[in-house]
Amino acid sequence: MDLVLAYADSYILTPWVYPATWPEDNLFRQIVSLSVITNVGAMTLYFLFATLSYYLLFDHSLKKHPQFLENQVQREIKHTVLSLPLISIPTVAIFFAEVRGYSKLYDDVGDSPYGWFGVVFSMFSFLFFTDMCIYWIHRFLHHKLLYKRFHKPHHTWKITTPFASHAFHPLDGFLQSVPYHIYPFLFPLHKVTYLGLYVIVNIWSISIHDGCYRVPGVLKQIINGAAHHSDHHLYFDYNYGQYFTLWDRIGGSYKNPSSFEGQGPHEYLKKLGNGHGDQKVLGDDDVKNK
């Protein structure tokens, strides 16, 4: 994040916003700047990519599903806009620690213990590490002591749109983002790589809520895509993963998506149109908390 802060200081904040007497490394100034950058960046990523996904990928026929709520898109957006500033409070604290040099982020490839190999390897290890952590955090949030208070708001959206991707309770949203933030405090990571991965994981979060279930056949059993995550929203107690199906398989919570078996939301709509809507759609009373 210090790359973004340095760019903002050089081209926007120092010449146009802050008085010249306020040094760029002042702690309070950095916290204020990071708060603004984090919120503006999060909102920009959310509205840009969720909007593109909504109009280019989301199947609008899903809005006819009986589990799609009245004014749902507006409600998803409102929920997100109210939650993101609260999620950003602890997030900024972590970014501030990064900017002050407490992480293992580095500027030059030469600073990597293993050169370019280390840079490339860190991308895969980042995905593996965060996928593992998010799986267990997500599953923990489904425990009966936590679910109704913190995670249930995200399950308000049974048939999701891309705008549901960041519509979390603030604590839920932050907890599921923690692995992204703690990785560079545990392992060396190039700053540009970290920034790119951070953008990618936000786009991925949007993509698994977009209702587009098309996946290359060879990846269907490996990638945790929208089909897997849509079933998680509908049926609650399986497919907790973020990117891959690995940890669901290890944790015994994997189930082949209903869409891959001809029983998903689209098929339900077809049956409904033919007067044969006999698929059971679960509600909150059917939740089996783990």
Foldseek 3Di string as FASTA:
>chain_A
DVVVLVVCCVPPCCVDNDDVPDDSPDLVNLLVSLLVCQLVVLVCLLCVLLVCLQVPPFDVVLCVFPLNDDVNLVVLLVLLNVQSSLLVPVVSVLVSCVNVPLFQEDADQVPQPVRPVSQVVVLVVLVVQLQQQLLVLLLVCLAPVRVVPWPVQLLSRLQFALSSLRNGHNVSSNSSCVSLRCVRRPDYYYPVSSVVVVSVLSSLSSQLNHNRPDDPPVCQQFFLHVLLVSVCSFAVQASSTRTTCVVRVVVVRDDRGCVVVCRDSVSLVVCVVVVRNPDDTDDPVNHDRD
